[in-house]
Amino acid sequence: MSTVDPGLDLDRAWQVHPQVSVRPEPFGALLYHFGTRKLSFLKDRTLLAVVEALATAPSAREACALAGVGDGDLPRYRRALATLAQSSMLVERNPHP
């Protein structure tokens, strides 16, 4: 029996997959993966800010901090980012290009 960790490592660097388009909307954003043809909805403007901050932040934890996510909300955003990673919307990036 295997168990799946519902989170992701907040201390690693992540980015939007190169084949994903992010379209901001009043409710949050639409993410479309051109490779898998999957569509994801971000129903939270703060989550959109986190996703956008991933491009330059040294870690997902730092991206959350930059977007104003407090320690109490960090588990919820970690789960949301993990869901995006599991659907290939986010990929780990090399922190030292």
N, C-alpha and C. Protein backbone atom coordinates (compact mmCIF):
# COMPACT_ATOMS: atom_id res chain seq x y z
N MET A 1 0.84 -1.17 0.00
CA MET A 1 0.00 0.00 0.00
C MET A 1 0.89 1.24 0.00
N SER A 2 0.65 2.18 -0.94
CA SER A 2 1.47 3.38 -1.00
C SER A 2 0.68 4.57 -0.47
N THR A 3 1.42 5.51 0.06
CA THR A 3 0.79 6.74 0.51
C THR A 3 1.33 7.89 -0.33
N VAL A 4 0.49 8.85 -0.59
CA VAL A 4 0.87 10.00 -1.39
C VAL A 4 0.94 11.21 -0.47
N ASP A 5 2.06 11.91 -0.51
CA ASP A 5 2.21 13.13 0.27
C ASP A 5 1.40 14.22 -0.42
N PRO A 6 0.40 14.79 0.24
CA PRO A 6 -0.44 15.79 -0.40
C PRO A 6 0.23 17.15 -0.52
N GLY A 7 1.44 17.28 -0.01
CA GLY A 7 2.12 18.56 -0.07
C GLY A 7 3.30 18.51 -1.01
N LEU A 8 4.01 19.60 -1.04
CA LEU A 8 5.25 19.64 -1.80
C LEU A 8 6.28 20.33 -0.94
N ASP A 9 7.53 20.20 -1.30
CA ASP A 9 8.62 20.76 -0.52
C ASP A 9 8.66 22.27 -0.74
N LEU A 10 8.25 23.01 0.27
CA LEU A 10 8.21 24.47 0.18
C LEU A 10 9.60 25.08 0.12
N ASP A 11 10.61 24.33 0.47
CA ASP A 11 11.96 24.87 0.49
C ASP A 11 12.71 24.65 -0.83
N ARG A 12 12.02 24.13 -1.81
CA ARG A 12 12.59 23.97 -3.16
C ARG A 12 12.04 25.06 -4.08
N ALA A 13 12.75 25.28 -5.17
CA ALA A 13 12.33 26.28 -6.17
C ALA A 13 11.37 25.61 -7.16
N TRP A 14 10.28 26.27 -7.47
CA TRP A 14 9.28 25.78 -8.40
C TRP A 14 9.00 26.86 -9.44
N GLN A 15 8.38 26.45 -10.53
CA GLN A 15 7.98 27.41 -11.57
C GLN A 15 6.79 26.86 -12.32
N VAL A 16 6.12 27.74 -13.02
CA VAL A 16 5.04 27.32 -13.91
C VAL A 16 5.70 26.54 -15.05
N HIS A 17 5.11 25.40 -15.40
CA HIS A 17 5.64 24.59 -16.50
C HIS A 17 5.75 25.46 -17.75
N PRO A 18 6.81 25.31 -18.54
CA PRO A 18 6.99 26.13 -19.74
C PRO A 18 5.84 26.04 -20.74
N GLN A 19 5.08 24.95 -20.71
CA GLN A 19 3.95 24.80 -21.64
C GLN A 19 2.62 25.26 -21.05
N VAL A 20 2.68 25.98 -19.91
CA VAL A 20 1.46 26.44 -19.26
C VAL A 20 1.29 27.94 -19.47
N SER A 21 0.09 28.30 -19.85
CA SER A 21 -0.28 29.71 -19.99
C SER A 21 -1.13 30.09 -18.78
N VAL A 22 -0.82 31.24 -18.20
CA VAL A 22 -1.57 31.74 -17.04
C VAL A 22 -2.34 32.98 -17.48
N ARG A 23 -3.65 32.93 -17.32
CA ARG A 23 -4.49 34.07 -17.69
C ARG A 23 -5.20 34.58 -16.44
N PRO A 24 -4.76 35.73 -15.91
CA PRO A 24 -5.43 36.31 -14.74
C PRO A 24 -6.89 36.62 -15.05
N GLU A 25 -7.73 36.41 -14.07
CA GLU A 25 -9.17 36.67 -14.15
C GLU A 25 -9.59 37.36 -12.86
N PRO A 26 -10.75 38.00 -12.83
CA PRO A 26 -11.20 38.65 -11.59
C PRO A 26 -11.30 37.69 -10.39
N PHE A 27 -11.59 36.42 -10.64
CA PHE A 27 -11.74 35.45 -9.56
C PHE A 27 -10.41 34.81 -9.16
N GLY A 28 -9.38 34.98 -9.96
CA GLY A 28 -8.08 34.33 -9.74
C GLY A 28 -7.35 34.20 -11.05
N ALA A 29 -7.40 32.99 -11.65
CA ALA A 29 -6.73 32.79 -12.94
C ALA A 29 -7.14 31.47 -13.56
N LEU A 30 -6.89 31.38 -14.84
CA LEU A 30 -7.02 30.13 -15.59
C LEU A 30 -5.62 29.70 -15.99
N LEU A 31 -5.31 28.44 -15.81
CA LEU A 31 -4.04 27.88 -16.25
C LEU A 31 -4.35 26.82 -17.29
N TYR A 32 -3.70 26.93 -18.43
CA TYR A 32 -3.90 25.93 -19.49
C TYR A 32 -2.57 25.33 -19.87
N HIS A 33 -2.49 24.00 -19.83
CA HIS A 33 -1.28 23.29 -20.18
C HIS A 33 -1.42 22.83 -21.64
N PHE A 34 -0.60 23.39 -22.52
CA PHE A 34 -0.70 23.06 -23.94
C PHE A 34 -0.24 21.63 -24.24
N GLY A 35 0.59 21.05 -23.41
CA GLY A 35 1.05 19.68 -23.62
C GLY A 35 0.02 18.65 -23.23
N THR A 36 -0.59 18.82 -22.07
CA THR A 36 -1.56 17.83 -21.59
C THR A 36 -3.00 18.23 -21.91
N ARG A 37 -3.19 19.48 -22.31
CA ARG A 37 -4.50 20.06 -22.61
C ARG A 37 -5.40 20.13 -21.38
N LYS A 38 -4.77 20.20 -20.20
CA LYS A 38 -5.53 20.33 -18.95
C LYS A 38 -5.75 21.80 -18.64
N LEU A 39 -6.86 22.07 -18.01
CA LEU A 39 -7.22 23.42 -17.58
C LEU A 39 -7.40 23.40 -16.07
N SER A 40 -6.80 24.38 -15.41
CA SER A 40 -6.96 24.51 -13.96
C SER A 40 -7.44 25.91 -13.64
N PHE A 41 -8.25 26.00 -12.61
CA PHE A 41 -8.76 27.28 -12.15
C PHE A 41 -8.11 27.63 -10.81
N LEU A 42 -7.61 28.83 -10.70
CA LEU A 42 -7.16 29.34 -9.41
C LEU A 42 -8.27 30.26 -8.93
N LYS A 43 -8.90 29.89 -7.84
CA LYS A 43 -10.06 30.65 -7.36
C LYS A 43 -9.67 31.61 -6.25
N ASP A 44 -8.42 32.01 -6.26
CA ASP A 44 -7.89 32.83 -5.17
C ASP A 44 -6.81 33.74 -5.75
N ARG A 45 -6.96 35.05 -5.61
CA ARG A 45 -5.98 35.99 -6.14
C ARG A 45 -4.63 35.85 -5.42
N THR A 46 -4.67 35.47 -4.16
CA THR A 46 -3.41 35.28 -3.43
C THR A 46 -2.65 34.09 -4.01
N LEU A 47 -3.36 33.02 -4.35
CA LEU A 47 -2.70 31.87 -4.96
C LEU A 47 -2.08 32.27 -6.30
N LEU A 48 -2.76 33.10 -7.06
CA LEU A 48 -2.19 33.62 -8.30
C LEU A 48 -0.90 34.38 -8.00
N ALA A 49 -0.90 35.21 -6.97
CA ALA A 49 0.31 35.96 -6.60
C ALA A 49 1.45 35.01 -6.22
N VAL A 50 1.12 33.92 -5.52
CA VAL A 50 2.14 32.92 -5.18
C VAL A 50 2.70 32.30 -6.45
N VAL A 51 1.82 31.87 -7.34
CA VAL A 51 2.25 31.22 -8.59
C VAL A 51 3.13 32.17 -9.40
N GLU A 52 2.77 33.42 -9.47
CA GLU A 52 3.57 34.40 -10.21
C GLU A 52 4.93 34.62 -9.54
N ALA A 53 4.96 34.61 -8.21
CA ALA A 53 6.21 34.84 -7.47
C ALA A 53 7.17 33.66 -7.58
N LEU A 54 6.67 32.48 -7.93
CA LEU A 54 7.53 31.30 -8.05
C LEU A 54 8.64 31.50 -9.07
N ALA A 55 8.41 32.31 -10.09
CA ALA A 55 9.38 32.51 -11.17
C ALA A 55 10.71 33.05 -10.66
N THR A 56 10.67 33.88 -9.63
CA THR A 56 11.90 34.52 -9.16
C THR A 56 12.25 34.20 -7.71
N ALA A 57 11.32 33.68 -6.96
CA ALA A 57 11.59 33.39 -5.55
C ALA A 57 12.53 32.19 -5.44
N PRO A 58 13.41 32.20 -4.45
CA PRO A 58 14.34 31.08 -4.28
C PRO A 58 13.66 29.80 -3.79
N SER A 59 12.43 29.90 -3.30
CA SER A 59 11.69 28.73 -2.83
C SER A 59 10.20 29.03 -2.86
N ALA A 60 9.40 27.98 -2.79
CA ALA A 60 7.95 28.16 -2.73
C ALA A 60 7.56 28.85 -1.42
N ARG A 61 8.29 28.57 -0.36
CA ARG A 61 8.03 29.22 0.93
C ARG A 61 8.20 30.74 0.79
N GLU A 62 9.26 31.15 0.12
CA GLU A 62 9.52 32.58 -0.09
C GLU A 62 8.46 33.19 -1.01
N ALA A 63 8.03 32.45 -2.02
CA ALA A 63 6.96 32.94 -2.91
C ALA A 63 5.68 33.18 -2.11
N CYS A 64 5.38 32.28 -1.19
CA CYS A 64 4.20 32.45 -0.34
C CYS A 64 4.35 33.70 0.52
N ALA A 65 5.52 33.88 1.10
CA ALA A 65 5.76 35.06 1.94
C ALA A 65 5.63 36.35 1.12
N LEU A 66 6.17 36.34 -0.08
CA LEU A 66 6.08 37.52 -0.94
C LEU A 66 4.63 37.85 -1.30
N ALA A 67 3.80 36.83 -1.38
CA ALA A 67 2.38 37.02 -1.72
C ALA A 67 1.53 37.35 -0.49
N GLY A 68 2.16 37.38 0.69
CA GLY A 68 1.43 37.74 1.90
C GLY A 68 0.76 36.58 2.61
N VAL A 69 1.15 35.36 2.31
CA VAL A 69 0.57 34.18 2.96
C VAL A 69 1.19 34.05 4.35
N GLY A 70 0.35 34.04 5.37
CA GLY A 70 0.81 33.90 6.74
C GLY A 70 1.07 32.45 7.10
N ASP A 71 1.77 32.25 8.20
CA ASP A 71 2.11 30.89 8.64
C ASP A 71 0.88 30.01 8.82
N GLY A 72 -0.22 30.59 9.32
CA GLY A 72 -1.44 29.81 9.54
C GLY A 72 -2.08 29.31 8.26
N ASP A 73 -1.88 30.04 7.16
CA ASP A 73 -2.45 29.64 5.87
C ASP A 73 -1.49 28.83 5.02
N LEU A 74 -0.26 28.69 5.45
CA LEU A 74 0.76 28.01 4.64
C LEU A 74 0.37 26.57 4.27
N PRO A 75 -0.19 25.77 5.19
CA PRO A 75 -0.57 24.39 4.79
C PRO A 75 -1.58 24.36 3.65
N ARG A 76 -2.52 25.28 3.65
CA ARG A 76 -3.53 25.32 2.58
C ARG A 76 -2.90 25.66 1.23
N TYR A 77 -1.98 26.61 1.23
CA TYR A 77 -1.32 26.99 -0.02
C TYR A 77 -0.34 25.91 -0.47
N ARG A 78 0.27 25.22 0.47
CA ARG A 78 1.15 24.10 0.14
C ARG A 78 0.35 23.02 -0.58
N ARG A 79 -0.84 22.70 -0.07
CA ARG A 79 -1.69 21.70 -0.72
C ARG A 79 -2.11 22.15 -2.12
N ALA A 80 -2.45 23.42 -2.27
CA ALA A 80 -2.85 23.95 -3.58
C ALA A 80 -1.69 23.86 -4.57
N LEU A 81 -0.49 24.22 -4.13
CA LEU A 81 0.68 24.13 -5.00
C LEU A 81 0.98 22.67 -5.35
N ALA A 82 0.80 21.78 -4.39
CA ALA A 82 1.03 20.36 -4.64
C ALA A 82 0.06 19.83 -5.69
N THR A 83 -1.18 20.26 -5.62
CA THR A 83 -2.18 19.85 -6.61
C THR A 83 -1.76 20.33 -8.00
N LEU A 84 -1.27 21.57 -8.08
CA LEU A 84 -0.81 22.10 -9.37
C LEU A 84 0.41 21.33 -9.87
N ALA A 85 1.29 20.94 -8.98
CA ALA A 85 2.47 20.17 -9.37
C ALA A 85 2.06 18.77 -9.84
N GLN A 86 1.11 18.15 -9.15
CA GLN A 86 0.65 16.81 -9.53
C GLN A 86 -0.01 16.81 -10.90
N SER A 87 -0.59 17.94 -11.29
CA SER A 87 -1.23 18.02 -12.60
C SER A 87 -0.29 18.62 -13.65
N SER A 88 1.00 18.71 -13.32
CA SER A 88 2.05 19.19 -14.22
C SER A 88 1.93 20.67 -14.58
N MET A 89 1.18 21.42 -13.82
CA MET A 89 1.11 22.87 -14.04
C MET A 89 2.36 23.56 -13.49
N LEU A 90 2.92 22.98 -12.42
CA LEU A 90 4.16 23.47 -11.82
C LEU A 90 5.21 22.38 -11.92
N VAL A 91 6.44 22.81 -12.08
CA VAL A 91 7.57 21.88 -12.09
C VAL A 91 8.67 22.47 -11.21
N GLU A 92 9.47 21.59 -10.67
CA GLU A 92 10.60 22.04 -9.88
C GLU A 92 11.60 22.70 -10.82
N ARG A 93 12.24 23.77 -10.35
CA ARG A 93 13.24 24.42 -11.18
C ARG A 93 14.58 24.39 -10.48
N ASN A 94 15.60 24.50 -11.27
CA ASN A 94 16.95 24.55 -10.74
C ASN A 94 17.15 25.92 -10.10
N PRO A 95 17.43 25.98 -8.80
CA PRO A 95 17.58 27.28 -8.15
C PRO A 95 18.85 28.02 -8.56
N HIS A 96 19.77 27.31 -9.22
CA HIS A 96 21.03 27.92 -9.64
C HIS A 96 21.24 27.68 -11.14
N PRO A 97 20.53 28.49 -11.97
CA PRO A 97 20.63 28.26 -13.43
C PRO A 97 22.02 28.51 -13.96
